[in-house]
Protein backbone atom coordinates (compact mmCIF):
# COMPACT_ATOMS: atom_id res chain seq x y z
CA MET A 1 9.61 -26.59 1.20
CA LEU A 2 10.46 -25.22 -2.31
CA GLU A 3 11.31 -28.63 -3.71
CA SER A 4 8.11 -30.22 -2.42
CA PHE A 5 5.99 -27.58 -3.77
CA LEU A 6 7.86 -27.35 -7.22
CA ARG A 7 6.96 -31.34 -7.43
CA MET A 8 3.41 -30.56 -6.90
CA SER A 9 2.97 -28.18 -9.58
CA GLU A 10 4.92 -29.18 -12.39
CA PHE A 11 3.52 -26.88 -15.52
CA THR A 12 3.45 -29.53 -18.08
CA LEU A 13 2.20 -28.40 -22.07
CA LEU A 14 -1.18 -30.08 -21.09
CA LYS A 15 -1.64 -28.42 -17.37
CA LEU A 16 -0.55 -24.99 -19.22
CA THR A 17 -2.95 -25.27 -21.91
CA ARG A 18 -5.88 -26.24 -19.39
CA ILE A 19 -4.70 -23.07 -17.38
CA LEU A 20 -4.00 -20.57 -19.69
CA LYS A 21 -6.48 -21.29 -22.52
CA PRO A 22 -4.46 -20.29 -25.62
CA LYS A 23 -5.94 -19.92 -28.78
CA ARG A 24 -3.01 -20.89 -30.47
CA VAL A 25 0.27 -22.64 -29.33
CA LEU A 26 3.32 -21.64 -31.66
CA ASN A 27 6.57 -23.79 -31.80
CA LYS A 28 5.31 -26.65 -29.41
CA ARG A 29 8.13 -28.89 -30.30
CA PHE A 30 10.20 -26.25 -28.14
CA PHE A 31 8.00 -26.67 -25.21
CA LYS A 32 10.26 -26.73 -21.77
CA GLN A 33 8.17 -26.31 -18.26
CA PRO A 34 8.80 -22.94 -16.77
CA THR A 35 10.05 -23.03 -13.06
CA GLY A 36 7.86 -19.60 -12.75
CA PHE A 37 6.17 -16.92 -14.25
CA SER A 38 7.51 -13.44 -14.91
CA ILE A 39 5.66 -10.10 -16.37
CA ASP A 40 8.91 -7.99 -16.06
CA SER A 41 11.88 -8.79 -18.56
CA ARG A 42 14.23 -6.83 -15.86
CA THR A 43 13.72 -9.40 -13.34
CA LEU A 44 12.88 -12.71 -15.40
CA LYS A 45 15.30 -15.35 -14.42
CA LYS A 46 16.04 -18.06 -16.89
CA GLY A 47 13.89 -21.09 -17.06
CA GLU A 48 10.84 -18.65 -16.51
CA ALA A 49 7.81 -17.84 -18.91
CA PHE A 50 7.11 -14.27 -19.70
CA ILE A 51 3.82 -12.86 -19.89
CA ALA A 52 3.31 -10.05 -21.86
CA ILE A 53 1.24 -7.59 -20.02
CA LYS A 54 -0.55 -4.51 -22.01
CA GLY A 55 -1.28 -1.61 -19.63
CA LYS A 56 -1.97 2.21 -19.93
CA TYR A 57 1.58 3.06 -20.27
CA PHE A 58 3.36 0.01 -21.14
CA ASP A 59 3.17 -2.80 -23.50
CA GLY A 60 5.05 -5.84 -22.64
CA HIS A 61 5.16 -7.13 -25.79
CA GLN A 62 7.78 -4.87 -26.77
CA PHE A 63 10.33 -6.64 -24.36
CA ILE A 64 9.60 -10.28 -25.72
CA ASP A 65 12.98 -10.30 -27.51
CA GLU A 66 14.75 -9.25 -24.34
CA ALA A 67 12.65 -11.82 -22.39
CA ILE A 68 13.80 -14.77 -24.74
CA HIS A 69 17.53 -13.35 -25.00
CA LYS A 70 17.37 -13.70 -20.77
CA GLY A 71 16.46 -17.41 -21.00
CA ALA A 72 12.35 -17.24 -21.06
CA VAL A 73 11.45 -20.40 -22.03
CA LEU A 74 7.41 -19.82 -22.79
CA ILE A 75 6.10 -16.70 -24.08
CA VAL A 76 2.57 -15.85 -23.34
CA SER A 77 1.20 -13.20 -25.79
CA GLU A 78 -1.68 -11.64 -27.45
CA ASN A 79 -0.13 -11.32 -30.91
CA GLY A 80 2.39 -14.16 -31.48
CA LYS A 81 4.30 -12.10 -33.16
CA GLU A 82 7.70 -13.53 -31.52
CA LYS A 83 8.10 -15.41 -34.57
CA LYS A 84 8.43 -19.46 -35.31
CA LYS A 85 11.93 -18.89 -35.97
CA GLU A 86 12.39 -18.33 -32.41
CA ARG A 87 13.26 -21.79 -30.37
CA VAL A 88 10.88 -20.69 -27.94
CA CYS A 89 7.30 -22.17 -27.33
CA SER A 90 4.41 -19.57 -27.36
CA PHE A 91 0.78 -19.26 -26.24
CA VAL A 92 -1.25 -16.89 -28.07
CA VAL A 93 -4.06 -15.53 -25.57
CA GLU A 94 -7.15 -13.49 -26.10
CA ASN A 95 -6.28 -11.38 -23.15
CA THR A 96 -2.52 -11.75 -21.33
CA ILE A 97 -3.73 -10.03 -18.25
CA SER A 98 -6.58 -12.80 -17.86
CA SER A 99 -4.36 -15.58 -18.18
CA LEU A 100 -2.07 -13.84 -15.54
CA GLU A 101 -4.99 -14.12 -13.38
CA ARG A 102 -5.66 -17.58 -13.93
CA VAL A 103 -2.03 -18.96 -13.46
CA SER A 104 -1.96 -16.63 -10.11
CA LYS A 105 -5.26 -17.88 -8.84
CA TYR A 106 -3.93 -21.54 -10.24
CA ILE A 107 -0.86 -21.19 -7.90
CA ARG A 108 -2.42 -19.71 -4.90
CA GLU A 109 -4.63 -22.65 -4.95
CA ARG A 110 -2.06 -25.33 -5.23
CA ALA A 111 0.52 -23.58 -2.72
CA SER A 112 -2.76 -23.44 -0.40
CA PRO A 113 -0.90 -21.18 2.51
CA LYS A 114 -2.18 -21.72 5.97
CA LYS A 115 -3.69 -18.21 6.52
CA VAL A 116 -4.22 -15.61 3.88
CA ILE A 117 -4.61 -12.18 5.23
CA ALA A 118 -5.93 -9.21 2.78
CA ILE A 119 -5.24 -5.71 4.39
CA THR A 120 -7.11 -3.00 2.93
CA GLY A 121 -8.33 0.48 3.68
CA SER A 122 -8.15 4.38 2.78
CA VAL A 123 -4.79 4.52 4.60
CA GLY A 124 -2.22 2.80 6.53
CA LYS A 125 -2.28 -0.40 4.12
CA THR A 126 1.43 -0.70 3.68
CA THR A 127 2.36 0.27 7.30
CA THR A 128 0.25 -2.42 8.56
CA LYS A 129 0.90 -5.12 6.15
CA GLU A 130 5.32 -4.45 7.07
CA MET A 131 4.28 -4.42 10.89
CA LEU A 132 2.52 -7.57 10.24
CA PHE A 133 5.16 -9.32 8.11
CA TYR A 134 7.44 -8.23 10.84
CA LEU A 135 5.60 -9.88 13.93
CA LEU A 136 4.78 -13.14 11.65
CA ARG A 137 8.39 -13.80 10.17
CA GLU A 138 9.32 -14.93 13.80
CA LYS A 139 7.26 -17.93 13.81
CA PHE A 140 6.52 -18.55 10.44
CA SER A 141 7.56 -18.38 7.14
CA VAL A 142 5.77 -15.63 5.23
CA LEU A 143 5.35 -13.88 1.63
CA CYS A 144 3.97 -10.37 1.11
CA ASN A 145 3.46 -7.91 -1.50
CA LYS A 146 6.75 -5.48 -2.20
CA LYS A 147 6.38 -2.00 -1.09
CA SER A 148 3.18 -0.76 -2.48
CA GLU A 149 2.24 -3.71 -5.34
CA ASN A 150 -1.07 -3.69 -4.09
CA ASN A 151 -3.12 -3.29 -7.40
CA LEU A 152 -3.83 -6.14 -10.00
CA LEU A 153 -0.72 -6.51 -11.23
CA GLY A 154 1.01 -6.35 -8.00
CA VAL A 155 -1.07 -8.60 -6.12
CA CYS A 156 -0.62 -11.53 -9.23
CA LYS A 157 3.19 -10.62 -9.10
CA THR A 158 3.26 -11.66 -5.44
CA LEU A 159 1.11 -14.96 -6.29
CA LEU A 160 3.65 -15.92 -8.96
CA ASN A 161 6.24 -15.80 -5.78
CA LEU A 162 4.36 -18.11 -3.89
CA LYS A 163 6.69 -21.19 -2.75
CA GLY A 164 4.87 -22.77 0.02
CA GLU A 165 4.91 -20.34 2.63
CA GLU A 166 2.91 -20.53 5.33
CA MET A 167 1.55 -17.24 5.59
CA LEU A 168 0.56 -15.08 2.73
CA ILE A 169 0.17 -11.11 3.41
CA LEU A 170 -1.32 -9.12 0.71
CA GLU A 171 -2.16 -5.52 0.96
CA LEU A 172 -5.07 -4.55 -1.60
CA GLY A 173 -5.54 -1.53 -3.36
CA THR A 174 -8.26 -0.13 -5.32
CA ASN A 175 -9.62 3.21 -6.84
CA SER A 176 -12.67 2.14 -8.63
CA SER A 177 -15.61 0.01 -7.97
CA GLY A 178 -14.90 -3.84 -8.15
CA GLU A 179 -11.41 -3.98 -7.87
CA ILE A 180 -11.31 -5.13 -4.23
CA GLU A 181 -13.69 -8.03 -4.83
CA ARG A 182 -11.74 -9.17 -8.05
CA LEU A 183 -8.63 -9.13 -6.20
CA THR A 184 -10.31 -11.03 -3.22
CA GLY A 185 -11.44 -13.77 -5.66
CA LEU A 186 -7.78 -14.11 -6.86
CA CYS A 187 -6.34 -14.43 -3.00
CA ARG A 188 -9.25 -15.85 -1.29
CA PRO A 189 -8.14 -14.80 2.21
CA HIS A 190 -9.17 -16.05 5.37
CA MET A 191 -8.73 -13.07 7.30
CA GLY A 192 -9.47 -9.50 6.09
CA VAL A 193 -7.99 -6.24 7.67
CA ILE A 194 -9.86 -2.92 6.97
CA THR A 195 -7.65 0.14 8.45
CA PHE A 196 -9.78 3.12 7.77
CA ILE A 197 -12.80 4.28 5.63
CA LYS A 198 -12.04 7.70 4.57
CA SER A 199 -12.30 10.24 1.72
CA VAL A 200 -10.25 8.63 -0.72
CA HIS A 201 -10.51 7.68 -4.53
CA LEU A 202 -13.53 9.38 -4.82
CA GLU A 203 -13.39 10.10 -8.48
CA GLY A 204 -13.63 6.17 -8.95
CA LEU A 205 -15.76 5.56 -5.58
CA SER A 206 -18.10 8.50 -5.86
CA SER A 207 -18.72 8.78 -1.79
CA LEU A 208 -17.84 7.55 1.20
CA LYS A 209 -20.68 4.72 0.86
CA GLY A 210 -18.70 3.65 -2.09
CA VAL A 211 -15.72 3.23 -0.24
CA LEU A 212 -17.25 1.38 2.48
CA GLU A 213 -19.32 -1.04 -0.43
CA GLU A 214 -15.78 -1.34 -2.26
CA LYS A 215 -13.34 -2.18 1.11
CA ILE A 216 -16.03 -4.38 2.77
CA ALA A 217 -16.03 -6.67 -0.15
CA VAL A 218 -12.62 -8.07 0.99
CA ILE A 219 -14.73 -9.99 3.66
CA ALA A 220 -18.10 -9.89 2.32
CA LYS A 221 -17.29 -12.14 -0.53
CA ASN A 222 -16.70 -15.13 1.34
CA THR A 223 -18.86 -15.87 4.36
CA ASP A 224 -15.72 -18.12 5.88
CA THR A 225 -13.45 -14.72 6.18
CA ILE A 226 -12.85 -13.47 9.45
CA GLY A 227 -12.80 -9.60 9.87
CA ILE A 228 -10.27 -7.33 11.71
CA LEU A 229 -11.87 -3.83 11.68
CA ASN A 230 -11.17 -0.62 13.27
CA ARG A 231 -13.67 0.04 16.28
CA ASP A 232 -13.06 3.96 16.25
CA ASP A 233 -14.13 4.02 12.29
CA TYR A 234 -18.03 5.13 12.78
CA LEU A 235 -18.48 3.90 8.84
CA LEU A 236 -16.79 0.29 9.89
CA ARG A 237 -18.75 0.20 13.37
CA ARG A 238 -21.75 -0.18 11.19
CA VAL A 239 -20.79 -3.17 9.43
CA ASN A 240 -22.56 -6.19 10.61
CA LEU A 241 -21.39 -9.80 9.87
CA ALA A 242 -22.59 -11.88 12.54
CA ASN A 243 -19.73 -13.10 14.47
CA ARG A 244 -17.06 -12.84 11.91
CA ILE A 245 -15.96 -9.52 13.32
CA PHE A 246 -12.71 -8.80 15.68
CA TRP A 247 -12.28 -5.02 16.54
CA PHE A 248 -9.22 -2.90 17.31
CA GLY A 249 -8.98 0.53 18.48
CA ARG A 250 -9.07 3.15 21.28
CA SER A 251 -12.09 1.97 22.25
CA ARG A 252 -12.56 -0.55 25.37
CA GLU A 253 -15.22 -2.24 23.37
CA ALA A 254 -12.12 -3.38 20.94
CA HIS A 255 -10.82 -6.54 21.25
CA ILE A 256 -7.79 -4.94 21.68
CA TYR A 257 -7.26 -1.35 22.57
CA ALA A 258 -4.86 1.22 23.36
CA LYS A 259 -4.27 4.57 25.43
CA LEU A 260 -1.48 6.93 24.52
CA LEU A 261 0.23 7.68 27.67
CA GLU A 262 2.98 9.82 26.53
CA LYS A 263 4.87 10.88 23.34
CA ASN A 264 7.82 12.74 22.11
CA GLU A 265 10.19 13.56 19.33
CA ARG A 266 11.63 9.76 19.46
CA GLU A 267 8.46 7.60 20.62
CA SER A 268 5.32 7.53 21.58
CA ILE A 269 4.04 5.10 24.49
CA PHE A 270 0.74 3.37 24.68
CA SER A 271 -0.89 0.92 27.45
CA ILE A 272 -2.48 -2.00 25.61
CA ASN A 273 -5.71 -3.39 27.04
CA GLY A 274 -4.61 -1.76 30.41
CA ARG A 275 -2.03 -4.19 30.72
CA TYR A 276 1.04 -3.96 28.71
CA LEU A 277 3.28 -1.09 27.62
CA LEU A 278 4.05 -0.88 23.52
CA ARG A 279 6.56 1.72 23.05
CA LEU A 280 6.28 2.61 19.41
CA LYS A 281 9.52 4.22 17.81
CA THR A 282 7.85 7.07 16.02
CA PHE A 283 6.59 10.59 17.19
CA ALA A 284 3.55 9.92 14.74
CA SER A 285 1.25 8.33 17.59
CA PHE A 286 -1.54 7.68 14.72
CA PHE A 287 0.58 4.35 13.56
CA ILE A 288 -1.16 2.96 16.71
CA TYR A 289 -3.86 1.99 14.49
CA ASN A 290 -1.46 -0.03 12.09
CA SER A 291 0.13 -1.95 15.26
CA LEU A 292 -3.20 -2.67 16.90
CA ALA A 293 -4.41 -3.93 13.49
CA SER A 294 -1.14 -6.15 13.34
CA LEU A 295 -1.13 -7.49 16.97
CA LEU A 296 -4.80 -8.73 16.84
CA VAL A 297 -4.04 -10.45 13.89
CA ALA A 298 -1.08 -11.96 15.39
CA VAL A 299 -2.94 -12.91 18.37
CA LEU A 300 -5.45 -14.80 16.34
CA LEU A 301 -3.24 -16.74 14.72
CA GLY A 302 -1.72 -18.29 18.15
CA LEU A 303 0.95 -15.73 19.13
CA ASP A 304 1.41 -14.65 22.48
CA LEU A 305 0.03 -10.78 22.84
CA LYS A 306 2.90 -9.67 25.40
CA GLU A 307 5.66 -11.34 23.18
CA CYS A 308 3.98 -9.74 19.99
CA ILE A 309 3.90 -6.00 21.93
CA GLU A 310 7.67 -6.53 22.84
CA ARG A 311 8.52 -7.24 19.55
CA MET A 312 6.64 -4.49 17.91
CA SER A 313 8.34 -2.32 20.30
CA GLU A 314 11.54 -2.94 18.33
CA PHE A 315 9.54 -2.23 14.86
CA GLU A 316 11.73 0.22 12.90
CA GLY A 317 10.41 -0.63 9.24
CA PHE A 318 7.87 2.05 8.69
CA PRO A 319 8.28 2.62 4.68
CA PRO A 320 9.51 5.80 3.22
CA MET A 321 7.48 9.01 2.87
CA ARG A 322 5.22 8.03 5.83
CA MET A 323 6.45 11.05 8.31
CA GLU A 324 9.76 9.77 7.85
CA LYS A 325 12.46 12.10 9.40
CA ILE A 326 15.22 13.09 7.05
CA ILE A 327 18.16 15.45 7.67
CA LYS A 328 19.53 17.71 5.15
CA ARG A 329 22.05 20.50 5.88
CA GLY A 330 21.18 20.23 9.04
CA LEU A 331 17.50 20.53 8.76
CA LEU A 332 14.64 18.31 9.75
CA PHE A 333 12.30 17.26 6.98
CA ILE A 334 8.93 15.13 7.85
CA ASN A 335 8.36 13.54 4.56
CA ASP A 336 5.06 12.35 4.58
CA ALA A 337 4.66 12.86 0.79
CA TYR A 338 3.57 9.41 -0.23
CA ASN A 339 -0.02 10.15 -0.42
CA SER A 340 -2.60 12.85 1.03
CA ASN A 341 -6.00 13.06 1.87
CA PRO A 342 -8.19 15.22 4.04
CA PHE A 343 -7.97 12.51 7.04
CA SER A 344 -4.43 11.56 6.88
CA LEU A 345 -2.89 15.46 6.59
CA ARG A 346 -5.14 16.23 9.49
CA GLU A 347 -3.57 13.24 11.40
CA SER A 348 -0.03 14.10 10.25
CA ILE A 349 -0.13 17.97 11.44
CA LYS A 350 -1.70 16.99 14.85
CA THR A 351 1.49 15.13 15.62
CA LEU A 352 4.13 17.81 14.75
CA SER A 353 3.09 19.49 18.18
CA VAL A 354 6.18 17.61 19.92
CA TYR A 355 8.31 19.52 17.98
CA SER A 356 9.41 23.15 19.46
CA LEU A 357 11.12 24.20 16.15
CA PRO A 358 9.56 26.82 13.70
CA LYS A 359 7.84 25.02 11.05
CA VAL A 360 7.26 25.25 7.44
CA ALA A 361 4.46 23.57 5.57
CA VAL A 362 4.70 22.71 2.03
CA ILE A 363 1.24 21.47 0.99
CA ALA A 364 0.35 19.92 -2.54
CA ASP A 365 -2.40 18.76 -4.46
CA MET A 366 -4.77 15.87 -2.66
CA LEU A 367 -5.64 14.09 -5.98
CA GLU A 368 -8.92 11.63 -6.73
CA LEU A 369 -11.34 13.53 -4.62
CA GLY A 370 -14.00 13.84 -7.09
CA ARG A 371 -16.49 16.56 -7.65
CA ARG A 372 -16.04 17.98 -3.89
CA VAL A 373 -11.97 18.29 -4.42
CA TYR A 374 -12.42 22.11 -3.87
CA HIS A 375 -14.24 21.67 -0.77
CA TYR A 376 -11.80 19.23 0.62
CA HIS A 377 -8.50 21.68 -0.06
CA ARG A 378 -10.85 24.56 1.23
CA SER A 379 -11.76 22.83 4.58
CA LEU A 380 -8.51 22.78 5.85
CA GLY A 381 -7.64 26.58 6.11
CA HIS A 382 -8.44 26.79 9.80
CA LEU A 383 -6.47 23.43 10.63
CA LEU A 384 -3.26 24.88 9.13
CA ILE A 385 -3.90 28.28 10.92
CA SER A 386 -4.26 26.34 14.45
CA ALA A 387 -1.12 24.16 13.55
CA GLY A 388 0.92 27.40 13.94
CA PHE A 389 3.37 26.87 10.79
CA ASP A 390 5.60 30.29 10.31
CA TYR A 391 5.31 29.89 6.44
CA ILE A 392 3.00 27.56 4.01
CA ILE A 393 4.03 27.11 0.57
CA THR A 394 1.15 25.62 -1.39
CA PHE A 395 2.11 23.54 -4.75
CA GLY A 396 -0.72 22.61 -7.59
CA LYS A 397 -3.53 23.71 -9.09
CA HIS A 398 -6.05 22.60 -6.51
CA VAL A 399 -4.18 23.69 -3.27
CA TYR A 400 -4.20 27.39 -4.71
CA PHE A 401 -7.94 27.44 -3.41
CA LEU A 402 -6.21 26.44 -0.18
CA LYS A 403 -3.98 29.59 -0.39
CA GLU A 404 -6.86 31.94 -0.97
CA VAL A 405 -8.67 30.66 2.40
CA LEU A 406 -5.43 30.98 4.10
CA GLU A 407 -5.10 34.80 3.42
CA LYS A 408 -8.56 35.26 4.38
CA LEU A 409 -8.43 33.98 7.46
CA GLY A 410 -5.30 36.28 8.09
CA HIS A 411 -1.75 34.02 7.70
CA PRO A 412 0.83 36.30 7.02
CA ARG A 413 3.19 34.12 5.19
CA VAL A 414 1.30 31.95 2.39
CA ILE A 415 3.29 31.24 -0.84
CA HIS A 416 2.36 29.63 -4.02
CA LEU A 417 4.93 27.88 -6.05
CA ASP A 418 4.78 25.90 -9.18
CA SER A 419 7.82 23.61 -9.54
CA HIS A 420 10.17 21.59 -6.95
CA GLU A 421 12.99 23.56 -7.84
CA LYS A 422 11.34 26.93 -7.20
CA ILE A 423 9.99 25.36 -3.55
CA ALA A 424 13.81 24.28 -2.97
CA SER A 425 15.35 27.24 -3.74
CA PHE A 426 12.85 29.06 -1.34
CA LEU A 427 13.56 27.04 1.36
CA ARG A 428 17.35 27.43 1.13
CA LYS A 429 17.12 31.17 1.57
CA LEU A 430 14.74 30.94 4.24
CA THR A 431 16.70 28.84 6.25
CA LYS A 432 20.18 30.22 5.40
CA ASN A 433 20.49 31.95 8.98
CA LYS A 434 17.58 30.00 10.93
CA LYS A 435 16.18 26.43 11.33
CA TYR A 436 13.06 25.38 10.72
CA LEU A 437 11.08 22.01 10.43
CA ILE A 438 9.86 21.46 6.63
CA PHE A 439 6.59 19.45 6.82
CA LEU A 440 5.78 18.00 3.17
CA LYS A 441 2.44 16.65 2.51
CA GLY A 442 0.92 15.67 -1.18
CA SER A 443 -0.74 13.09 -3.20
CA ARG A 444 1.78 10.67 -4.79
CA ASN A 445 1.73 12.29 -8.25
CA MET A 446 2.72 15.90 -6.83
CA LYS A 447 6.47 13.99 -5.99
CA LEU A 448 7.22 16.40 -3.31
CA GLU A 449 10.21 14.44 -2.40
CA GLU A 450 11.76 15.85 -5.32
CA VAL A 451 12.02 19.08 -2.94
CA ILE A 452 14.40 17.25 -0.78
CA ARG A 453 16.49 16.25 -3.46
CA LYS A 454 16.82 19.47 -4.67
CA PHE A 455 17.41 21.27 -1.79
């Protein structure tokens, strides 16, 4: 597979000039055909081309010397300052990100996977991607994004790694209007999965309507793209794209649906389409939506539903910091600190009822909620009260307003702390003579996992 793909897509000087459209080519006599492309000098392999990307917090041009030292055979940069003394060919381009997009798109077209599946939505993208990868790799050669590399650079990095795989799974993220359309134009998916439309990234997308319009671009851009949508999401139910939609959810009107039968600290048991039993290895029953989306895609790709359900019952690859159970010093931490928004916080708290232990909630800021940020934080007061937490620790400037609401509602033990170390110290003292379940939830930039590390 790899050899045939490389023969198909040899990057000659002429071909690369057509793809990258450089303003100048330096050291042309030293040109060697690259075996691949890299935007990270740390992982660059000898024989690859290095594209020096300039980002908000980094500049790849600072690592050109390192890339050359590690064996880069071609440099793509914006300034051409890698000097003619270097015995390496260099393309000077107007914009290296545009060059990265061009070569990524070219590789996607030449590799031509049988199916490209794009996954987007306000929550649950990474878990859905991991579940689908788990199902498909039994029958197909599959490539997908690493971790949560779902922005432009992450999607391009994944496309650069295509080596003729049959299936390509791409998680697509966004925090501003037009990003999904741009990514969809790059990867040209045959199938588009949308998990949920919720109040996320409102700073860049303004409203729920803006979120819907942004996410729906994954299937609206190309009339041949099949949509796999959540029937339980009221905004997605309004989507009307002729006969291009397949539905998953708890509603019997969906093509694949689930009914929760039982859950405990170890697993959640569901009936699928009233015929099959799925035993998810997690107490967090809301992961059923990720499972259903993955199962539906797998069936549409020709896999047997019963076999896929049996395989899904063995799935243990839930990504870190998504309702992750961690035992430290004899205490149970539920680490849900990868990200936070009003919807995911509500769903996470609901699942904790399977535990009889007294509970402590560590709640940090929910970010990127736009003008209504304080409204969203205040609105969670009654939820946290009804959940029965013995202690609630707040951390961050926005969540301080939630603390005020909780105190007005009469919660006796609400504490606001301003550092991970202080939270860890408080928890050490609190749990010295009594065991608690510690639940952590906050947006990515709040880094609540540091509380566990410092505990």
